[in-house]
Protein backbone atom coordinates (compact mmCIF):
# COMPACT_ATOMS: atom_id res chain seq x y z
CA MET A 1 -9.05 12.81 -10.68
CA ARG A 2 -8.86 16.60 -11.01
CA VAL A 3 -8.49 18.70 -7.90
CA ILE A 4 -9.34 22.36 -8.27
CA ASP A 5 -8.23 25.03 -5.82
CA ILE A 6 -11.23 27.33 -5.50
CA ARG A 7 -9.67 30.01 -3.33
CA PRO A 8 -10.93 33.17 -5.01
CA VAL A 9 -8.47 35.49 -6.70
CA VAL A 10 -10.38 38.66 -7.49
CA ALA A 11 -9.10 40.52 -10.51
CA GLY A 12 -11.30 42.82 -12.50
CA GLY A 13 -14.42 41.35 -10.87
CA LEU A 14 -13.62 37.78 -12.03
CA VAL A 15 -12.73 34.78 -9.91
CA SER A 16 -9.99 32.56 -11.29
CA CYS A 17 -9.18 28.97 -10.31
CA GLY A 18 -5.83 27.18 -10.39
CA LEU A 19 -5.73 23.60 -11.72
CA LEU A 20 -3.86 20.81 -9.99
CA VAL A 21 -3.63 17.12 -10.82
CA ALA A 22 -3.77 14.50 -8.09
CA CYS A 23 -4.27 10.77 -7.82
CA GLY A 24 -7.22 9.19 -5.98
CA LYS A 25 -6.69 6.80 -3.09
CA VAL A 26 -7.63 3.18 -3.20
CA ALA A 27 -10.75 1.71 -1.65
CA GLY A 28 -10.45 1.39 2.09
CA ASP A 29 -8.84 4.79 2.65
CA SER A 30 -9.90 6.53 5.83
CA GLU A 31 -11.65 9.38 4.06
CA GLU A 32 -15.34 8.47 4.17
CA GLY A 33 -17.36 8.64 1.03
CA ARG A 34 -14.54 8.32 -1.48
CA VAL A 35 -15.35 6.00 -4.37
CA VAL A 36 -12.69 4.59 -6.64
CA GLY A 37 -12.96 2.48 -9.74
CA LEU A 38 -16.16 4.01 -11.10
CA SER A 39 -16.08 4.37 -14.85
CA ASP A 40 -15.96 7.91 -16.15
CA ALA A 41 -19.31 8.81 -17.70
CA GLY A 42 -17.84 12.02 -19.12
CA SER A 43 -18.68 15.64 -18.58
CA ASP A 44 -21.78 15.44 -20.78
CA ALA A 45 -23.41 12.86 -18.49
CA ALA A 46 -22.43 14.85 -15.42
CA ALA A 47 -23.89 18.04 -16.84
CA ALA A 48 -27.10 16.32 -17.93
CA ALA A 49 -27.70 14.83 -14.50
CA SER A 50 -26.32 17.55 -12.23
CA ASP A 51 -29.77 18.89 -11.33
CA SER A 52 -30.95 17.16 -8.15
CA SER A 53 -34.49 17.19 -9.53
CA THR A 54 -33.52 14.93 -12.45
CA ALA A 55 -35.98 12.05 -12.79
CA ALA A 56 -34.45 8.78 -11.62
CA ASP A 57 -35.34 6.99 -14.86
CA ALA A 58 -33.47 9.65 -16.84
CA LEU A 59 -30.18 9.21 -14.97
CA PRO A 60 -27.39 7.34 -16.77
CA TYR A 61 -26.34 4.00 -15.31
CA LEU A 62 -22.65 4.08 -14.39
CA GLU A 63 -20.68 0.85 -14.20
CA VAL A 64 -18.63 0.17 -11.08
CA ASP A 65 -15.17 -1.38 -11.24
CA ALA A 66 -16.19 -4.46 -9.26
CA SER A 67 -16.77 -8.14 -9.93
CA LYS A 68 -20.06 -9.13 -11.52
CA ARG A 69 -21.84 -12.44 -11.91
CA THR A 70 -20.95 -14.13 -15.20
CA ASP A 71 -21.62 -17.49 -16.84
CA ALA A 72 -18.36 -18.68 -15.29
CA THR A 73 -19.37 -17.66 -11.76
CA VAL A 74 -22.87 -19.10 -11.52
CA ARG A 75 -23.77 -20.56 -8.13
CA VAL A 76 -23.97 -24.34 -7.85
CA GLU A 77 -27.68 -24.97 -7.34
CA ASP A 78 -27.61 -28.76 -7.53
CA MET A 79 -25.40 -30.02 -4.71
CA SER A 80 -25.40 -33.50 -6.21
CA ALA A 81 -23.03 -32.11 -8.85
CA CYS A 82 -20.35 -31.77 -6.16
CA ALA A 83 -19.86 -35.57 -6.23
CA THR A 84 -18.16 -35.31 -9.62
CA ARG A 85 -16.10 -32.19 -8.84
CA THR A 86 -12.85 -31.54 -6.97
CA PRO A 87 -13.29 -32.67 -3.36
CA CYS A 88 -13.67 -29.71 -0.98
CA ASP A 89 -13.91 -27.29 -3.93
CA CYS A 90 -17.33 -27.77 -5.47
CA ASP A 91 -17.49 -24.25 -6.94
CA GLY A 92 -14.04 -24.56 -8.56
CA ASP A 93 -12.65 -21.28 -7.22
CA GLY A 94 -9.46 -22.88 -5.87
CA PHE A 95 -10.42 -22.49 -2.20
CA ALA A 96 -11.38 -25.36 0.07
CA ASP A 97 -14.67 -25.39 1.98
CA VAL A 98 -14.04 -24.40 5.60
CA ALA A 99 -15.77 -27.62 6.64
CA CYS A 100 -13.03 -29.72 5.04
CA GLY A 101 -10.29 -28.83 7.52
CA ALA A 102 -7.25 -31.06 7.10
CA ASP A 103 -8.89 -32.81 4.15
CA ALA A 104 -8.36 -29.70 2.00
CA GLY A 105 -5.02 -31.03 0.78
CA THR A 106 -3.17 -28.48 -1.37
CA LEU A 107 -6.21 -26.23 -1.83
CA LYS A 108 -6.15 -22.76 -0.29
CA PRO A 109 -8.31 -22.76 2.86
CA GLY A 110 -11.18 -20.59 4.03
CA ASP A 111 -14.03 -20.81 1.48
CA CYS A 112 -17.14 -19.78 3.45
CA ASP A 113 -19.51 -20.73 0.61
CA ASP A 114 -18.27 -23.59 -1.53
CA LEU A 115 -21.28 -23.33 -3.84
CA ASP A 116 -20.48 -19.80 -5.03
CA PRO A 117 -17.35 -19.13 -7.13
CA LEU A 118 -17.77 -15.37 -6.49
CA ARG A 119 -17.32 -15.83 -2.72
CA PHE A 120 -13.83 -16.70 -1.47
CA PRO A 121 -11.03 -15.30 0.74
CA GLY A 122 -9.41 -12.23 -0.77
CA GLN A 123 -12.33 -11.41 -3.07
CA GLY A 124 -12.59 -7.74 -4.02
CA PHE A 125 -15.76 -5.68 -4.22
CA VAL A 126 -18.75 -7.35 -5.87
CA MET A 127 -21.60 -5.28 -7.27
CA ASP A 128 -24.23 -8.04 -7.53
CA PRO A 129 -26.84 -8.44 -4.79
CA PRO A 130 -26.00 -11.30 -2.40
CA PRO A 131 -27.95 -14.50 -3.14
CA PRO A 132 -30.94 -15.29 -0.91
CA GLY A 133 -29.87 -16.37 2.55
CA HIS A 134 -26.42 -14.79 2.31
CA ASP A 135 -24.97 -11.42 3.27
CA GLY A 136 -22.50 -9.30 1.32
CA ASP A 137 -19.38 -10.78 2.92
CA TRP A 138 -17.93 -11.87 -0.41
CA ASN A 139 -14.34 -12.19 0.88
CA CYS A 140 -15.18 -14.49 3.82
CA ASP A 141 -13.61 -12.30 6.48
CA GLY A 142 -16.77 -12.19 8.59
CA ILE A 143 -17.43 -8.50 7.87
CA GLU A 144 -19.81 -7.06 5.29
CA GLU A 145 -17.90 -4.05 3.97
CA VAL A 146 -20.07 -1.66 1.97
CA LEU A 147 -18.51 0.91 -0.37
CA PRO A 148 -18.84 3.76 0.22
CA ALA A 149 -20.66 5.21 3.23
CA MET A 150 -22.10 8.57 2.22
CA PRO A 151 -21.63 11.27 -0.45
CA PRO A 152 -18.24 12.99 -0.37
CA ALA A 153 -17.85 16.26 1.53
CA CYS A 154 -16.31 17.69 -1.67
CA THR A 155 -14.19 20.38 0.00
CA ARG A 156 -10.91 20.21 1.85
CA PRO A 157 -9.26 23.13 3.65
CA PRO A 158 -8.26 25.60 2.47
CA ASN A 159 -11.25 25.71 0.09
CA VAL A 160 -10.10 22.95 -2.27
CA CYS A 161 -12.88 21.41 -4.37
CA LEU A 162 -12.36 17.66 -4.80
CA VAL A 163 -13.67 17.56 -8.37
CA GLY A 164 -14.43 14.01 -9.49
CA GLU A 165 -14.86 12.47 -6.04
CA ARG A 166 -17.94 10.23 -6.05
CA GLY A 167 -20.27 8.76 -3.45
CA PHE A 168 -23.75 7.28 -3.13
CA SER A 169 -26.67 9.42 -1.99
CA GLY A 170 -27.89 7.20 0.81
CA ARG A 171 -27.08 4.22 2.97
CA GLY A 172 -28.23 1.43 0.69
CA ARG A 173 -27.58 -2.29 0.88
CA CYS A 174 -25.21 -4.41 -1.17
CA GLY A 175 -26.15 -4.61 -4.82
CA GLU A 176 -28.90 -1.97 -4.66
CA VAL A 177 -29.07 0.63 -7.43
CA GLU A 178 -28.67 4.10 -5.93
CA ASP A 179 -28.16 7.68 -7.01
CA LEU A 180 -24.52 8.59 -7.40
CA ARG A 181 -23.11 12.06 -6.71
CA GLU A 182 -19.89 13.63 -7.91
CA CYS A 183 -18.09 16.67 -6.55
CA GLY A 184 -18.17 19.66 -8.88
CA HIS A 185 -18.90 23.35 -9.09
CA ASP A 186 -22.23 24.13 -7.45
CA PRO A 187 -23.19 27.82 -7.16
CA LEU A 188 -25.88 26.88 -4.62
CA GLN A 189 -23.25 25.85 -2.08
CA PRO A 190 -21.49 28.50 0.07
CA SER A 191 -18.12 27.13 -1.01
CA GLY A 192 -19.16 26.95 -4.67
CA CYS A 193 -18.51 23.21 -4.62
CA GLY A 194 -20.84 20.32 -3.83
CA PRO A 195 -21.99 16.77 -4.66
CA LEU A 196 -23.89 16.90 -7.96
CA LEU A 197 -26.22 14.11 -9.06
CA VAL A 198 -24.54 12.37 -12.01
CA GLY A 199 -26.19 8.97 -12.38
CA GLN A 200 -26.96 5.66 -10.75
CA ALA A 201 -24.87 2.62 -9.92
CA ARG A 202 -25.06 -0.59 -7.92
CA ARG A 203 -23.49 -0.32 -4.47
CA PRO A 204 -20.64 -2.82 -4.22
CA CYS A 205 -19.53 -4.67 -1.10
CA ARG A 206 -17.12 -7.40 -0.11
């Protein structure tokens, strides 16, 4: 992630900017709105979608670094299949159904949905919508954690533009496709830095 110091240095009528390199923090940091793990769509995509009036269907879809449903993580729809699978671990994710208790044997405990191999203790962010009848608590900790909250503020005192910081435009639900904004140079903002519309992505949660 690039961080650009935008404190103006006036020389001959021009404003210069110093470049710094910094590392982003991991998900769960206290700074609201920070998104990590989003694939870089490149400057061309950012420039093409920076206008807030860009039509939604023209925005590029940006992948999120989060788990997605695959052929190997399909929910068990026919519970009768559990009779021929590992006891207490119908979905085969290595975690025992919470209902098993002491019968779990050597399996790791705490699976809150033994029919879904995507849902287990310690699961990271998942970008797919939760299945019908379930919330977005993919890691079975009893809390639906949505990433992130709101678009990034983009500036940090003294006048540092957090170029590359990303956040969703609204307060959507798990798995919903939303507009994504990225901090960059915006002459319409007093600071010269703001959240530019760069694309769309599914909001992950865990």
